[in-house]
Protein backbone atom coordinates (compact mmCIF):
# COMPACT_ATOMS: atom_id res chain seq x y z
CA MET A 1 82.35 72.29 70.65
CA GLY A 2 79.36 70.78 72.29
CA ALA A 3 80.67 67.32 71.79
CA GLY A 4 84.12 68.07 73.09
CA ILE A 5 82.41 69.35 76.48
CA ALA A 6 80.14 66.31 76.60
CA GLY A 7 83.20 64.13 76.09
CA GLN A 8 85.11 65.64 79.10
CA VAL A 9 82.14 65.42 81.34
CA ALA A 10 81.88 61.60 80.42
CA ASN A 11 85.48 61.43 81.07
CA ALA A 12 85.04 62.72 84.66
CA GLY A 13 82.62 59.70 85.02
CA THR A 14 79.30 61.87 84.82
CA GLU A 15 76.58 60.75 82.57
CA VAL A 16 75.52 63.32 79.80
CA TRP A 17 73.22 63.89 77.06
CA LEU A 18 74.57 65.31 73.85
CA LEU A 19 71.66 66.99 71.79
CA ASP A 20 71.81 68.43 68.34
CA LEU A 21 69.29 69.52 65.81
CA PRO A 22 67.07 66.59 64.35
CA SER A 23 68.02 65.43 60.97
CA ASN A 24 65.49 64.90 58.03
CA GLY A 25 67.14 61.39 57.15
CA GLU A 26 66.79 58.03 58.48
CA ASP A 27 68.78 58.75 61.47
CA VAL A 28 67.45 61.61 63.16
CA ASN A 29 70.25 61.93 65.77
CA ILE A 30 72.92 61.62 62.94
CA LEU A 31 74.47 65.22 63.98
CA SER A 32 75.11 64.17 67.53
CA ALA A 33 76.29 60.82 66.39
CA LYS A 34 79.01 62.57 64.37
CA GLY A 35 79.93 64.63 67.27
CA LEU A 36 80.56 61.45 69.09
CA GLU A 37 82.55 60.22 66.19
CA ARG A 38 84.79 63.19 66.27
CA LEU A 39 85.62 62.41 70.06
CA LYS A 40 87.08 59.15 68.70
CA ASP A 41 89.59 60.63 66.42
CA PRO A 42 92.94 58.65 67.03
CA ASP A 43 95.12 61.77 66.43
CA MET A 44 93.05 64.03 69.02
CA PRO A 45 91.09 61.66 71.02
CA GLY A 46 88.35 63.40 73.05
CA LEU A 47 87.55 60.39 75.08
CA MET A 48 89.81 58.60 77.69
CA SER A 49 87.89 55.23 77.69
CA GLU A 50 85.19 53.18 76.35
CA GLU A 51 83.55 53.47 79.67
CA ALA A 52 83.30 57.24 79.07
CA GLU A 53 81.69 56.70 75.74
CA LYS A 54 79.02 54.55 77.40
CA LEU A 55 78.12 57.63 79.48
CA ILE A 56 77.26 59.87 76.45
CA ASN A 57 73.45 59.65 75.33
CA LEU A 58 72.70 60.79 71.85
CA GLY A 59 69.55 62.83 70.97
CA ASN A 60 68.05 65.67 69.17
CA THR A 61 66.37 68.87 70.28
CA ARG A 62 63.00 67.75 68.97
CA ASP A 63 62.48 64.34 70.59
CA HIS A 64 64.62 64.40 73.62
CA PHE A 65 64.45 67.90 75.00
CA HIS A 66 62.30 66.59 77.94
CA GLU A 67 65.37 64.74 79.05
CA LEU A 68 66.82 67.91 80.34
CA GLU A 69 64.24 68.40 82.94
CA ASP A 70 66.17 66.80 85.62
CA CYS A 71 69.79 67.86 84.58
CA ASP A 72 72.01 69.63 86.95
CA TRP A 73 74.00 71.68 84.40
CA ILE A 74 73.18 72.31 80.84
CA ALA A 75 76.05 73.87 78.75
CA GLU A 76 74.81 75.63 75.47
CA ALA A 77 77.16 75.65 72.49
CA VAL A 78 75.11 76.50 69.58
CA VAL A 79 75.90 78.89 66.64
CA GLU A 80 77.05 82.22 67.84
CA ARG A 81 73.53 83.94 67.00
CA LEU A 82 71.82 86.06 69.66
CA ASP A 83 68.19 85.23 68.45
CA ILE A 84 68.90 81.38 68.34
CA LYS A 85 70.48 81.40 71.80
CA GLN A 86 67.54 83.32 73.32
CA ALA A 87 65.10 81.16 71.81
CA LEU A 88 66.80 78.04 73.25
CA TYR A 89 66.87 79.87 76.76
CA ARG A 90 63.22 80.39 76.62
CA ARG A 91 62.63 76.63 76.10
CA LEU A 92 65.07 75.79 78.85
CA ASN A 93 63.62 78.16 81.14
CA ASP A 94 60.12 76.33 80.66
CA THR A 95 61.45 72.81 80.99
CA CYS A 96 64.35 72.60 83.41
CA LYS A 97 64.12 72.29 87.03
CA GLU A 98 64.72 75.51 89.29
CA SER A 99 68.13 74.27 90.40
CA THR A 100 69.46 73.71 86.89
CA ILE A 101 72.67 75.77 86.09
CA ILE A 102 72.67 77.04 82.41
CA THR A 103 75.71 78.19 80.79
CA SER A 104 76.74 79.20 77.34
CA ASN A 105 79.97 78.51 75.58
CA THR A 106 79.99 81.93 73.67
CA SER A 107 83.22 83.72 73.13
CA THR A 108 81.76 87.00 71.56
CA ILE A 109 78.39 87.68 73.22
CA PRO A 110 78.10 89.67 76.39
CA ILE A 111 76.05 87.91 79.11
CA ARG A 112 73.82 90.90 79.53
CA LEU A 113 72.67 90.56 75.80
CA LEU A 114 72.28 86.77 76.33
CA THR A 115 69.89 87.15 79.31
CA GLU A 116 67.95 90.27 78.33
CA ASP A 117 64.31 89.90 78.74
CA MET A 118 64.68 86.74 80.75
CA PRO A 119 63.23 86.47 84.19
CA THR A 120 65.62 87.26 87.21
CA GLU A 121 65.29 83.67 88.46
CA PHE A 122 66.78 82.74 85.09
CA CYS A 123 69.63 85.13 85.30
CA GLU A 124 70.59 84.14 88.76
CA ARG A 125 71.52 80.60 87.59
CA PHE A 126 72.96 81.62 84.22
CA ALA A 127 76.76 82.07 83.49
CA ILE A 128 79.33 81.81 80.65
CA THR A 129 81.73 78.82 80.73
CA HIS A 130 84.06 79.45 77.72
CA PHE A 131 85.99 76.27 76.87
CA PHE A 132 88.88 76.08 74.64
CA ASN A 133 89.36 73.63 71.67
CA PRO A 134 90.06 70.62 72.02
CA VAL A 135 88.40 70.46 75.23
CA ARG A 136 90.08 67.44 76.65
CA PHE A 137 93.59 69.01 75.98
CA MET A 138 93.18 72.70 76.39
CA ARG A 139 93.16 73.53 80.20
CA LEU A 140 91.60 76.99 80.17
CA LEU A 141 87.97 77.53 81.11
CA GLU A 142 86.96 81.24 81.33
CA LEU A 143 84.08 81.78 83.77
CA VAL A 144 81.91 84.85 83.39
CA ARG A 145 79.22 85.85 85.88
CA GLY A 146 76.51 88.19 85.09
CA GLU A 147 75.04 90.96 87.26
CA PHE A 148 72.45 88.51 88.83
CA THR A 149 74.49 85.42 88.87
CA ARG A 150 74.45 83.67 92.31
CA ASP A 151 77.63 82.97 94.16
CA ASP A 152 76.65 79.25 94.76
CA VAL A 153 76.18 78.85 91.19
CA ILE A 154 79.76 80.14 90.15
CA ASN A 155 81.18 78.21 93.17
CA THR A 156 79.61 75.11 91.86
CA LEU A 157 80.96 75.57 88.21
CA ASP A 158 84.42 76.53 89.62
CA VAL A 159 84.69 73.41 91.83
CA PHE A 160 83.39 70.97 89.18
CA SER A 161 85.38 72.26 86.42
CA GLU A 162 88.65 72.54 88.59
CA ILE A 163 88.46 69.07 90.17
CA ASN A 164 86.28 66.85 88.01
CA LEU A 165 87.16 68.33 84.43
CA GLY A 166 90.72 69.10 85.28
CA LYS A 167 90.41 72.73 84.01
CA GLY A 168 92.24 75.91 85.09
CA VAL A 169 89.37 78.39 85.81
CA VAL A 170 90.06 81.95 85.18
CA SER A 171 87.38 84.21 86.41
CA CYS A 172 86.57 87.15 83.77
CA SER A 173 84.49 90.24 83.49
CA ASP A 174 81.63 90.47 81.09
CA THR A 175 83.85 92.21 78.39
CA PRO A 176 84.48 91.67 74.91
CA GLY A 177 86.90 88.88 73.99
CA PHE A 178 87.18 88.06 77.85
CA LEU A 179 90.86 87.71 78.40
CA ALA A 180 92.77 84.99 76.57
CA ASN A 181 91.33 85.84 72.98
CA ARG A 182 91.40 89.55 73.88
CA VAL A 183 95.17 89.50 74.48
CA GLY A 184 96.03 86.36 72.37
CA VAL A 185 94.50 87.63 69.24
CA PHE A 186 95.92 91.03 69.56
CA ALA A 187 99.45 89.40 69.71
CA ILE A 188 98.92 87.34 66.84
CA GLN A 189 97.72 90.26 64.77
CA CYS A 190 100.35 92.36 65.81
CA ALA A 191 103.04 89.75 65.04
CA LEU A 192 101.39 89.14 61.58
CA HIS A 193 101.13 92.64 60.42
CA ASN A 194 104.60 93.61 61.62
CA ALA A 195 106.02 90.69 59.82
CA PHE A 196 104.51 91.80 56.48
CA ASP A 197 105.55 95.45 57.24
CA LEU A 198 109.32 94.48 57.88
CA LYS A 199 109.04 91.94 55.00
CA LEU A 200 109.95 88.84 57.01
CA SER A 201 109.28 85.40 55.73
CA PRO A 202 107.08 83.02 57.68
CA THR A 203 110.18 81.13 58.51
CA GLU A 204 111.89 84.24 60.15
CA ALA A 205 108.86 85.47 61.99
CA ASP A 206 107.92 82.06 63.35
CA ALA A 207 111.50 81.36 64.39
CA PHE A 208 111.47 84.59 66.66
CA PHE A 209 107.98 84.82 67.57
CA GLY A 210 108.03 81.30 69.09
CA ARG A 211 110.42 79.50 71.31
CA PRO A 212 112.57 82.59 72.20
CA LEU A 213 109.61 84.35 73.77
CA GLY A 214 108.43 81.11 75.54
CA LEU A 215 105.66 80.72 73.08
CA PRO A 216 104.56 77.48 71.07
CA LYS A 217 106.97 76.77 68.15
CA THR A 218 104.00 77.34 65.66
CA GLY A 219 104.91 80.92 65.74
CA VAL A 220 102.38 83.29 64.20
CA PHE A 221 102.20 81.96 60.56
CA GLY A 222 102.13 78.27 61.70
CA LEU A 223 99.37 79.17 64.17
CA TYR A 224 97.35 80.77 61.53
CA ASP A 225 97.64 77.56 59.65
CA LEU A 226 96.72 75.42 62.70
CA ILE A 227 93.56 77.45 63.46
CA GLY A 228 92.58 78.01 59.78
CA ILE A 229 93.34 81.05 57.92
CA ASP A 230 89.59 81.72 57.10
CA LEU A 231 88.61 80.96 60.68
CA MET A 232 91.05 83.61 62.13
CA ALA A 233 89.72 86.26 59.54
CA ASP A 234 86.15 85.56 61.05
CA VAL A 235 87.62 85.67 64.64
CA VAL A 236 89.30 89.12 63.80
CA LYS A 237 86.10 90.40 62.26
CA SER A 238 84.02 89.47 65.33
CA LEU A 239 86.56 91.25 67.65
CA VAL A 240 86.31 94.36 65.44
CA SER A 241 82.51 94.47 65.72
CA ILE A 242 82.57 94.15 69.69
CA LEU A 243 85.51 96.02 70.81
CA PRO A 244 85.53 99.84 71.60
CA GLU A 245 86.47 102.18 68.86
CA ASN A 246 89.58 103.44 70.61
CA ASP A 247 90.93 99.85 71.17
CA ALA A 248 94.55 99.46 69.98
CA PHE A 249 93.25 95.97 68.46
CA HIS A 250 91.92 98.17 65.48
CA ASN A 251 95.54 99.07 64.46
CA TYR A 252 96.11 95.53 63.42
CA SER A 253 92.65 94.41 62.31
CA ALA A 254 92.72 95.39 58.56
CA PRO A 255 92.50 92.57 56.18
CA ILE A 256 95.78 91.81 54.49
CA ASP A 257 95.13 91.38 50.59
CA PHE A 258 97.86 88.52 50.22
CA MET A 259 95.79 86.60 52.88
CA THR A 260 92.47 87.41 51.34
CA ASN A 261 93.65 85.98 47.97
CA MET A 262 94.97 82.85 49.87
CA ILE A 263 91.55 82.32 51.37
CA ALA A 264 90.04 82.66 47.86
CA ASN A 265 92.45 79.99 46.50
CA GLY A 266 91.65 77.63 49.26
CA GLN A 267 95.01 78.10 51.09
CA THR A 268 93.30 78.05 54.40
CA GLY A 269 95.88 76.16 56.46
CA ASN A 270 96.22 72.57 57.68
CA LYS A 271 92.59 71.58 57.16
CA ASN A 272 93.23 72.06 53.45
CA GLU A 273 96.90 70.99 53.60
CA LYS A 274 98.27 74.08 52.31
CA GLY A 275 98.43 77.48 53.77
CA PHE A 276 101.56 79.58 54.81
CA TYR A 277 103.26 75.98 54.93
CA LYS A 278 102.50 72.85 53.15
CA GLN A 279 103.63 69.11 53.15
CA ASP A 280 104.52 68.02 49.58
CA GLY A 281 105.38 64.38 50.06
CA ASP A 282 108.56 64.21 52.46
CA GLU A 283 109.23 67.79 51.84
CA ARG A 284 107.88 70.70 53.73
CA LYS A 285 107.34 73.97 51.71
CA VAL A 286 106.76 77.44 52.86
CA ILE A 287 104.96 80.34 50.90
CA ASN A 288 107.00 83.03 49.44
CA LEU A 289 105.12 86.23 50.46
CA SER A 290 106.31 88.26 47.70
CA ASN A 291 105.02 86.10 44.85
CA GLY A 292 102.80 83.46 46.48
CA GLU A 293 104.95 80.55 45.26
CA TYR A 294 105.88 77.62 47.62
CA ILE A 295 109.60 77.06 48.36
CA GLN A 296 111.62 74.39 50.29
CA HIS A 297 111.28 75.34 53.81
CA GLU A 298 114.65 75.27 55.76
CA ARG A 299 115.40 75.99 59.52
CA LEU A 300 116.40 79.48 59.97
CA LYS A 301 120.16 79.91 60.89
CA ALA A 302 120.56 83.01 62.77
CA PRO A 303 123.23 83.59 65.23
CA LEU A 304 120.87 85.85 67.22
CA LEU A 305 118.80 82.62 67.70
CA ASP A 306 121.69 80.73 69.29
CA MET A 307 122.53 83.61 71.43
CA ALA A 308 119.05 83.96 72.80
CA GLU A 309 118.78 80.20 73.51
CA LYS A 310 122.00 80.55 75.69
CA ASN A 311 121.48 83.91 77.19
CA GLY A 312 117.85 84.79 77.15
CA LEU A 313 115.25 87.27 75.96
CA SER A 314 117.41 90.35 76.67
CA VAL A 315 119.76 89.43 73.87
CA ILE A 316 116.97 89.79 71.27
CA LEU A 317 115.50 93.10 72.80
CA ASN A 318 119.09 94.64 72.83
CA ASP A 319 119.51 93.56 69.02
CA THR A 320 119.36 96.42 66.66
CA GLY A 321 118.91 94.52 63.54
CA HIS A 322 115.33 93.78 61.88
CA TYR A 323 114.81 90.64 63.93
CA GLY A 324 115.28 92.62 67.26
CA ILE A 325 113.09 95.41 65.75
CA TYR A 326 110.46 92.87 65.11
CA ILE A 327 110.41 91.22 68.51
CA TRP A 328 110.52 94.66 70.33
CA ARG A 329 107.54 95.94 68.38
CA VAL A 330 105.41 92.97 68.64
CA LEU A 331 106.55 92.36 72.44
CA SER A 332 106.35 95.73 73.62
CA GLU A 333 102.75 96.47 71.89
CA THR A 334 101.44 93.19 73.34
CA LEU A 335 102.60 93.82 76.84
CA CYS A 336 101.33 97.35 76.77
CA TYR A 337 97.94 96.03 75.49
CA ALA A 338 97.65 93.37 78.34
CA ALA A 339 98.52 96.08 80.86
CA SER A 340 95.99 98.52 79.62
CA LEU A 341 93.28 95.99 80.51
CA VAL A 342 94.17 96.55 84.14
CA PRO A 343 91.75 97.75 85.90
CA GLU A 344 89.11 98.29 83.46
CA VAL A 345 88.85 94.59 82.28
CA THR A 346 90.30 92.95 85.30
CA GLU A 347 91.86 94.18 88.76
CA ASP A 348 93.80 90.87 88.99
CA LEU A 349 96.75 90.69 86.74
CA THR A 350 97.24 86.84 87.58
CA GLN A 351 94.09 86.16 85.71
CA ILE A 352 95.55 87.40 82.46
CA ASP A 353 98.98 85.63 83.01
CA ASP A 354 96.92 82.41 83.70
CA ALA A 355 94.66 82.79 80.80
CA MET A 356 97.80 83.19 78.27
CA LYS A 357 99.42 80.16 79.83
CA LEU A 358 96.54 77.76 79.95
CA GLY A 359 94.75 78.95 76.71
CA TYR A 360 97.73 79.95 74.52
CA ASN A 361 100.39 77.91 75.96
CA TRP A 362 102.69 80.76 76.78
CA ALA A 363 105.44 79.73 79.31
CA LYS A 364 105.08 83.18 80.90
CA GLY A 365 102.10 85.46 81.07
CA PRO A 366 102.58 89.08 80.15
CA PHE A 367 103.38 90.50 83.53
CA GLU A 368 105.75 87.50 84.16
CA LEU A 369 107.64 88.63 81.04
CA LEU A 370 107.53 92.35 82.18
CA ASP A 371 109.27 91.28 85.60
CA GLU A 372 111.75 89.27 83.62
CA ILE A 373 112.57 92.36 81.14
CA GLY A 374 112.27 94.85 83.99
CA ILE A 375 109.29 97.30 84.25
CA GLU A 376 111.42 100.46 84.46
CA TYR A 377 113.50 99.58 81.52
CA PHE A 378 110.44 98.66 79.63
CA VAL A 379 108.53 102.08 80.35
CA ASP A 380 111.60 104.05 79.52
CA ARG A 381 112.04 102.47 76.15
CA VAL A 382 108.35 102.68 75.24
CA LYS A 383 108.64 106.25 76.30
CA SER A 384 111.58 106.80 74.07
CA ASP A 385 109.76 105.38 70.99
CA GLY A 386 107.35 108.10 71.59
CA ARG A 387 104.56 105.90 72.52
CA ASP A 388 101.85 105.93 75.39
CA VAL A 389 102.59 103.85 78.40
CA PRO A 390 99.51 102.49 80.21
CA SER A 391 98.86 103.99 83.65
CA PHE A 392 99.24 100.80 85.48
CA LEU A 393 102.91 100.44 84.19
CA LEU A 394 103.58 104.13 84.72
CA ASN A 395 102.35 103.90 88.42
CA ASN A 396 104.38 100.66 89.23
CA GLN A 397 107.53 101.04 87.21
CA SER A 398 109.80 100.85 90.22
CA SER A 399 107.97 97.69 91.52
CA LYS A 400 107.75 94.08 90.38
CA PHE A 401 104.31 92.46 89.58
CA TYR A 402 105.35 89.11 91.36
CA ASN A 403 107.58 88.66 94.68
CA GLY A 404 107.70 85.95 97.41
CA SER A 405 107.38 86.18 101.03
CA GLU A 406 107.56 83.94 104.00
CA SER A 407 103.52 83.33 103.67
CA GLY A 408 103.91 82.56 99.84
CA LEU A 409 103.76 84.09 96.54
CA ASN A 410 102.13 87.53 96.06
CA PHE A 411 101.16 89.80 93.15
CA LEU A 412 100.72 93.55 92.76
CA GLY A 413 97.06 94.37 92.75
CA ALA A 414 95.40 97.10 90.52
CA ASP A 415 95.36 99.60 93.57
CA GLY A 416 99.06 99.34 94.13
CA ASN A 417 98.89 97.07 97.16
CA THR A 418 100.39 93.53 97.37
CA LYS A 419 98.04 90.61 97.49
CA PRO A 420 98.60 86.85 98.18
CA ILE A 421 97.93 84.47 95.26
CA VAL A 422 95.33 81.90 96.44
CA ARG A 423 95.61 78.39 95.15
CA SER A 424 92.56 77.29 93.19
CA SER A 425 90.49 74.35 94.41
CA GLY A 426 92.07 71.86 91.96
CA VAL A 427 95.67 72.68 93.01
CA LEU A 428 97.38 71.07 95.97
């Protein structure tokens, strides 16, 4: 990830140092050099030009740490271990000029823990900048401020990231998983567990938990393969360890034995060329969840899919068959989960919608989907299922989350009042 961040900074025409641990071999900078080579992958190039490559200086944290003295921004992307990060921050605090902004790319460690025992002056210039991989192509940047982070630090990061790096910046509270992964991983896990529960095949689940909802065509099983089945298991474990005990995520966090066996057998997804799907020569195959054998993959032919393409989401929601049941379960639980984060995690629902669109490539965010479905209809149906409805939905079931006016587009605030949507610095 560090190389990806360095590459995007270089793409913006800014000189950057890429430091990694020193190697004991002949080339002490081999780790940072390998990071640069990954940026030149022809299938997923992290660099836009040869000129950008020339702006990247390679080094290591033993011989080149002094080069950080005059840097304006240092983005830390080391392993997710608090002790290692804090040791690095102490070195940075002793080395960098007072105006240097320091950020972490962590996705799991709260900022209050990252900066504990650090002087106030350090905390004032510290924030979290959580990029999504691959950095060049994923637009989302989650920006998290701490209790002591100065306004000018946040503004500088916001403007540079929006205008120079081309990111869509979403401001997040210092809460577990921030926004995109908090909602996104919940949706993935909910779709996964319900597919197993309803005995749907990967082909069936991915056909519906995808384009019909305005989500990427990878669906859930294809997305697991793309990310890495083993890596997703680690992500789930991490969220389990940091989320509150009463969080609904725990309903879908238990390991699935079938997938545990897949990981043990090396069936971890695209990186190992076999997961829920695999390519066998010219033939694409999909795993049979009942016996673990691979069978020929064929596009699902279901009249409901064709009807949904012509008439929209309501067709699936009104279906009483197992496909309709599947989508209602996953969509309703995911939208309820997103709504439960207002106002405790964020008071601005547009931040959740933007996070899902920029970070997970959803066509519409959760609250835009609720407007499409109809909040009153949604609330009544969740109630009829005997499930709890988040108070933010109960209090606003006769409203819409978005509406237009002569002055522009507005959204419904956590306090029930309409607020204008303000365009970010990188949008005309």
